[in-house]
Amino acid sequence: MKRYRELVITGTQSDQFARTPSWLLSKLSSLFGITFDACPTNPTADGLKIPWQKNTYCNPPYRRIGPWLKKADREWLTNHICTIFLIPVRFYAKYAQSSLANVTAVYFATDLIQFRDYKAPLGIGLCVWVHGNPGRHTPALQYRIGVIDIPKPYSYTQATPIFTESNIPFVIVKENATEIVSKEYMAWKKNPTSTRGILLPAQTKLRVFQDLILPEASYIGFCNHLLKEKPGSQEFCLGSVAVIFGPGGHACYQSKHNLHTIPAGFINTRDPQKKPRKRRKNRFLE
């Protein structure tokens, strides 16, 4: 059984062929009407050079996502071919920035995904990223997310105008995200007319993102660059997201700092063959 080190950290060519679990591929095919796999395990042709078909599926090499998104852009704009990607949640990546205009929906995976022939699930949050219109009824999109434009030098202070221009009090979270987000949420619930902001790591795999942030926040904005604590310091490798609870957040989708607004939802990625885990209560909400 393989490990994910090369897939996630070094991105070497020898480990760029992680196969989508068959149960998940079947589920996505049923939900989105997939008719073609642009990047199969044993391709007979270069998927970047051949025409794609209606409702194409693509689980691209994670070290070379950009060319596949550009191909999907061309297929949608010229042939109206919709593409369904399974990729990491990386709104800060350059390849994501160039393709956001054609993204019609983002579905966050509810569980970490274990690819075929690997010993454990991949330890990063993934999403189903939809380019174009599949032309059929698809899973519900109950939420919306924004993408925030961060100017140079990409520090935390450059990310905070989304709060400060609306006079929203905020906290910056670098660790203990579940505890701090839960406490800020409870403080807002006690005073629903107030508005509270949080800038935190974009860890969509956390239950607090799924149970509190996406359903309850009035604004969610993923930063379009990795942030630095201060100019010249190390980048925050997970990416960052601005979250607002309370009435003041809705207007932020109209802010000049909000580049894109995308419909969002969840897709259940729990392996049906595995025993369901008992969901632990969030002790910070008690």
Protein backbone atom coordinates (compact mmCIF):
# COMPACT_ATOMS: atom_id res chain seq x y z
CA MET A 1 0.00 0.00 0.00
CA LYS A 2 1.23 3.49 -0.87
CA ARG A 3 1.77 6.57 1.27
CA TYR A 4 0.77 10.09 0.28
CA ARG A 5 4.09 11.83 0.94
CA GLU A 6 5.05 12.17 -2.71
CA LEU A 7 1.52 13.06 -3.79
CA VAL A 8 1.12 15.88 -1.28
CA ILE A 9 4.61 17.08 -0.37
CA THR A 10 7.13 16.44 -3.11
CA GLY A 11 4.69 15.90 -5.96
CA THR A 12 6.98 13.55 -7.87
CA GLN A 13 5.89 11.94 -11.11
CA SER A 14 5.93 8.45 -9.57
CA ASP A 15 3.00 9.24 -7.31
CA GLN A 16 0.63 11.29 -9.45
CA PHE A 17 -1.77 8.52 -10.38
CA ALA A 18 -3.92 8.18 -7.25
CA ARG A 19 -7.11 6.52 -8.42
CA THR A 20 -10.55 7.74 -7.40
CA PRO A 21 -12.33 5.15 -5.21
CA SER A 22 -14.78 3.22 -7.36
CA TRP A 23 -17.70 3.96 -5.03
CA LEU A 24 -17.02 7.69 -5.24
CA LEU A 25 -16.64 7.66 -9.01
CA SER A 26 -19.96 5.81 -9.30
CA LYS A 27 -21.60 8.34 -7.00
CA LEU A 28 -20.28 11.33 -8.96
CA SER A 29 -21.34 9.71 -12.22
CA SER A 30 -24.87 9.29 -10.89
CA LEU A 31 -25.07 12.84 -9.51
CA PHE A 32 -23.54 14.69 -12.45
CA GLY A 33 -24.18 12.39 -15.41
CA ILE A 34 -20.48 11.81 -16.12
CA THR A 35 -19.86 10.26 -19.53
CA PHE A 36 -16.09 10.57 -19.94
CA ASP A 37 -12.94 10.39 -17.78
CA ALA A 38 -10.30 12.82 -19.04
CA CYS A 39 -7.55 11.51 -16.77
CA PRO A 40 -8.05 7.75 -16.25
CA THR A 41 -5.56 5.39 -14.63
CA ASN A 42 -4.36 3.83 -17.87
CA PRO A 43 -5.01 6.42 -20.56
CA THR A 44 -4.86 5.51 -24.24
CA ALA A 45 -4.34 9.17 -25.22
CA ASP A 46 -3.19 12.45 -23.69
CA GLY A 47 -6.28 13.90 -22.07
CA LEU A 48 -4.99 17.42 -22.58
CA LYS A 49 -4.86 16.97 -26.36
CA ILE A 50 -8.11 15.18 -27.17
CA PRO A 51 -11.66 16.55 -27.26
CA TRP A 52 -13.66 16.03 -24.08
CA GLN A 53 -17.22 14.81 -23.93
CA LYS A 54 -20.36 16.00 -22.18
CA ASN A 55 -19.97 16.07 -18.39
CA THR A 56 -16.33 15.05 -18.20
CA TYR A 57 -14.75 13.85 -14.95
CA CYS A 58 -11.16 14.75 -14.05
CA ASN A 59 -9.03 13.73 -11.06
CA PRO A 60 -5.82 15.40 -12.29
CA PRO A 61 -2.25 15.00 -11.02
CA TYR A 62 -2.17 17.32 -8.01
CA ARG A 63 1.20 18.78 -8.96
CA ARG A 64 -0.13 19.79 -12.42
CA ILE A 65 -3.73 20.90 -11.89
CA GLY A 66 -3.34 24.13 -13.87
CA PRO A 67 -3.18 22.68 -17.41
CA TRP A 68 -6.31 20.59 -16.75
CA LEU A 69 -8.28 23.59 -15.53
CA LYS A 70 -7.19 25.58 -18.58
CA LYS A 71 -8.31 22.73 -20.80
CA ALA A 72 -11.68 22.69 -19.01
CA ASP A 73 -11.98 26.45 -19.57
CA ARG A 74 -11.45 25.98 -23.31
CA GLU A 75 -13.86 23.05 -23.51
CA TRP A 76 -16.58 25.03 -21.74
CA LEU A 77 -16.12 28.28 -23.67
CA THR A 78 -15.84 26.66 -27.11
CA ASN A 79 -17.88 23.44 -26.85
CA HIS A 80 -20.03 23.91 -23.74
CA ILE A 81 -18.49 20.80 -22.18
CA CYS A 82 -18.98 20.70 -18.40
CA THR A 83 -16.14 19.28 -16.29
CA ILE A 84 -16.36 17.87 -12.76
CA PHE A 85 -13.02 17.98 -10.91
CA LEU A 86 -11.90 16.32 -7.71
CA ILE A 87 -9.15 18.61 -6.41
CA PRO A 88 -7.77 20.11 -3.17
CA VAL A 89 -9.36 23.23 -1.71
CA ARG A 90 -6.73 25.74 -2.81
CA PHE A 91 -8.32 29.05 -3.74
CA TYR A 92 -4.93 30.71 -3.26
CA ALA A 93 -3.31 28.76 -6.12
CA LYS A 94 -2.60 30.61 -9.36
CA TYR A 95 -4.37 27.94 -11.39
CA ALA A 96 -7.52 28.49 -9.35
CA GLN A 97 -7.44 32.25 -9.92
CA SER A 98 -7.37 31.89 -13.69
CA SER A 99 -10.38 29.56 -13.76
CA LEU A 100 -12.73 30.97 -11.11
CA ALA A 101 -14.81 32.86 -13.67
CA ASN A 102 -16.00 29.55 -15.15
CA VAL A 103 -16.65 27.74 -11.84
CA THR A 104 -20.39 27.37 -11.27
CA ALA A 105 -20.34 25.33 -8.06
CA VAL A 106 -18.03 24.01 -5.35
CA TYR A 107 -18.99 21.01 -3.22
CA PHE A 108 -16.83 20.45 -0.16
CA ALA A 109 -16.09 16.83 0.72
CA THR A 110 -17.59 15.90 4.09
CA ASP A 111 -14.89 13.29 4.81
CA LEU A 112 -11.27 12.69 3.94
CA ILE A 113 -10.95 10.47 0.86
CA GLN A 114 -8.89 7.30 0.72
CA PHE A 115 -7.68 6.73 -2.82
CA ARG A 116 -7.32 3.22 -4.15
CA ASP A 117 -4.15 1.34 -3.10
CA TYR A 118 -3.38 3.78 -0.29
CA LYS A 119 -3.18 2.90 3.38
CA ALA A 120 -5.24 5.79 4.73
CA PRO A 121 -7.27 8.81 3.62
CA LEU A 122 -5.47 11.79 2.13
CA GLY A 123 -5.11 14.27 4.99
CA ILE A 124 -6.26 17.41 3.18
CA GLY A 125 -9.69 18.74 2.36
CA LEU A 126 -10.91 18.06 -1.18
CA CYS A 127 -13.78 19.46 -3.17
CA VAL A 128 -15.82 18.73 -6.26
CA TRP A 129 -15.21 21.73 -8.50
CA VAL A 130 -17.76 22.16 -11.32
CA HIS A 131 -16.82 23.97 -14.54
CA GLY A 132 -19.87 24.93 -16.55
CA ASN A 133 -23.42 23.60 -16.43
CA PRO A 134 -23.97 19.81 -16.27
CA GLY A 135 -27.44 20.29 -17.77
CA ARG A 136 -29.23 18.25 -15.12
CA HIS A 137 -30.43 18.40 -11.52
CA THR A 138 -27.41 18.35 -9.23
CA PRO A 139 -26.91 18.28 -5.43
CA ALA A 140 -28.25 21.25 -3.50
CA LEU A 141 -26.21 24.45 -3.25
CA GLN A 142 -27.45 25.95 0.01
CA TYR A 143 -24.52 28.30 0.61
CA ARG A 144 -22.19 30.73 -1.10
CA ILE A 145 -18.51 31.51 -0.71
CA GLY A 146 -16.39 34.46 -1.72
CA VAL A 147 -12.82 34.81 -2.90
CA ILE A 148 -10.94 37.79 -1.43
CA ASP A 149 -8.36 39.73 -3.40
CA ILE A 150 -5.22 40.13 -1.26
CA PRO A 151 -2.70 42.77 -2.45
CA LYS A 152 1.04 42.50 -1.98
CA PRO A 153 2.90 41.78 0.29
CA TYR A 154 0.18 39.21 1.13
CA SER A 155 0.34 39.67 4.90
CA TYR A 156 -2.45 39.30 7.45
CA THR A 157 -2.94 43.07 7.49
CA GLN A 158 -3.71 42.99 3.75
CA ALA A 159 -6.50 40.47 4.41
CA THR A 160 -8.27 42.43 7.13
CA PRO A 161 -9.89 45.32 5.15
CA ILE A 162 -12.85 42.99 4.53
CA PHE A 163 -13.43 43.48 8.29
CA THR A 164 -12.07 46.95 9.01
CA GLU A 165 -13.87 48.79 6.21
CA SER A 166 -17.16 47.64 7.72
CA ASN A 167 -15.99 48.24 11.32
CA ILE A 168 -16.31 44.55 12.14
CA PRO A 169 -14.36 43.39 15.22
CA PHE A 170 -12.26 40.36 14.36
CA VAL A 171 -9.70 37.90 15.67
CA ILE A 172 -6.85 36.18 13.80
CA VAL A 173 -6.62 32.44 14.49
CA LYS A 174 -3.45 30.45 13.83
CA GLU A 175 -4.20 27.40 15.98
CA ASN A 176 -7.02 25.98 18.11
CA ALA A 177 -9.47 26.94 15.35
CA THR A 178 -12.33 24.78 16.63
CA GLU A 179 -12.19 26.32 20.11
CA ILE A 180 -11.94 29.94 19.00
CA VAL A 181 -14.51 29.71 16.19
CA SER A 182 -16.96 27.99 18.54
CA LYS A 183 -16.52 30.68 21.20
CA GLU A 184 -16.96 33.48 18.69
CA TYR A 185 -20.06 31.77 17.36
CA MET A 186 -21.54 31.40 20.86
CA ALA A 187 -20.81 35.05 21.61
CA TRP A 188 -22.67 36.04 18.46
CA LYS A 189 -25.62 33.75 19.29
CA LYS A 190 -26.00 35.51 22.63
CA ASN A 191 -26.19 38.83 20.80
CA PRO A 192 -27.52 38.15 17.25
CA THR A 193 -27.53 41.83 16.31
CA SER A 194 -23.75 41.98 16.72
CA THR A 195 -21.22 41.05 14.03
CA ARG A 196 -18.01 39.13 14.65
CA GLY A 197 -15.17 38.31 12.25
CA ILE A 198 -12.50 35.62 12.22
CA LEU A 199 -9.47 35.07 9.96
CA LEU A 200 -8.36 31.45 10.22
CA PRO A 201 -6.69 28.57 8.34
CA ALA A 202 -8.82 27.22 5.51
CA GLN A 203 -9.18 23.70 6.86
CA THR A 204 -12.44 22.56 5.29
CA LYS A 205 -11.96 19.03 6.65
CA LEU A 206 -12.66 20.29 10.20
CA ARG A 207 -16.11 19.63 11.63
CA VAL A 208 -16.29 23.24 12.79
CA PHE A 209 -16.18 24.34 9.13
CA GLN A 210 -18.92 21.90 8.18
CA ASP A 211 -21.14 22.27 11.25
CA LEU A 212 -20.77 25.98 12.04
CA ILE A 213 -18.96 28.07 9.48
CA LEU A 214 -20.61 27.13 6.20
CA PRO A 215 -24.19 26.81 7.56
CA GLU A 216 -24.12 29.77 9.97
CA ALA A 217 -21.69 32.43 8.70
CA SER A 218 -23.09 35.44 6.87
CA TYR A 219 -19.85 35.76 4.89
CA ILE A 220 -17.11 33.28 3.97
CA GLY A 221 -14.20 34.52 1.88
CA PHE A 222 -11.19 32.42 0.88
CA CYS A 223 -8.02 34.45 0.42
CA ASN A 224 -6.56 34.32 -3.09
CA HIS A 225 -2.96 34.25 -1.81
CA LEU A 226 -1.07 32.52 0.95
CA LEU A 227 -0.70 34.97 3.81
CA LYS A 228 2.42 35.92 5.74
CA GLU A 229 2.51 36.96 9.36
CA LYS A 230 4.57 39.93 8.25
CA PRO A 231 6.46 40.82 5.05
CA GLY A 232 9.37 38.44 4.54
CA SER A 233 8.07 35.77 6.93
CA GLN A 234 7.05 32.23 6.07
CA GLU A 235 3.76 31.81 4.24
CA PHE A 236 0.77 30.25 5.95
CA CYS A 237 0.79 27.02 3.96
CA LEU A 238 -2.86 26.02 4.49
CA GLY A 239 -4.38 29.12 2.97
CA SER A 240 -6.75 31.38 4.92
CA VAL A 241 -10.44 32.15 5.06
CA ALA A 242 -12.32 35.15 6.45
CA VAL A 243 -15.51 34.29 8.31
CA ILE A 244 -18.18 36.67 9.57
CA PHE A 245 -21.08 35.85 11.87
CA GLY A 246 -23.90 38.36 12.09
CA PRO A 247 -25.81 40.83 9.90
CA GLY A 248 -22.73 42.80 8.84
CA GLY A 249 -21.36 39.97 6.74
CA HIS A 250 -23.91 39.90 3.93
CA ALA A 251 -22.71 43.18 2.43
CA CYS A 252 -19.16 41.84 2.13
CA TYR A 253 -20.16 39.85 -0.96
CA GLN A 254 -20.58 43.26 -2.64
CA SER A 255 -17.23 44.55 -1.35
CA LYS A 256 -14.55 45.58 -3.82
CA HIS A 257 -12.29 43.08 -2.04
CA ASN A 258 -14.58 40.18 -2.95
CA LEU A 259 -13.47 39.02 -6.41
CA HIS A 260 -15.91 36.15 -6.93
CA THR A 261 -18.99 34.68 -5.32
CA ILE A 262 -19.57 30.97 -5.94
CA PRO A 263 -22.53 28.75 -4.97
CA ALA A 264 -21.39 26.05 -2.56
CA GLY A 265 -22.59 22.90 -0.85
CA PHE A 266 -21.45 19.61 0.60
CA ILE A 267 -21.06 16.22 -1.00
CA ASN A 268 -21.07 13.14 1.22
CA THR A 269 -17.71 11.40 0.78
CA ARG A 270 -18.12 8.85 3.55
CA ASP A 271 -16.94 5.43 2.31
CA PRO A 272 -20.10 3.26 2.41
CA GLN A 273 -18.04 0.16 3.21
CA LYS A 274 -16.63 1.65 6.39
CA LYS A 275 -18.44 1.69 9.69
CA PRO A 276 -19.78 5.19 10.40
CA ARG A 277 -17.92 6.99 13.13
CA LYS A 278 -19.87 8.49 15.97
CA ARG A 279 -19.77 12.24 15.64
CA ARG A 280 -18.32 13.79 18.76
CA LYS A 281 -20.06 16.77 20.30
CA ASN A 282 -18.32 20.09 20.14
CA ARG A 283 -17.55 20.64 23.82
CA PHE A 284 -17.03 24.35 23.22
CA LEU A 285 -20.71 24.76 22.37
CA GLU A 286 -21.94 23.28 25.64
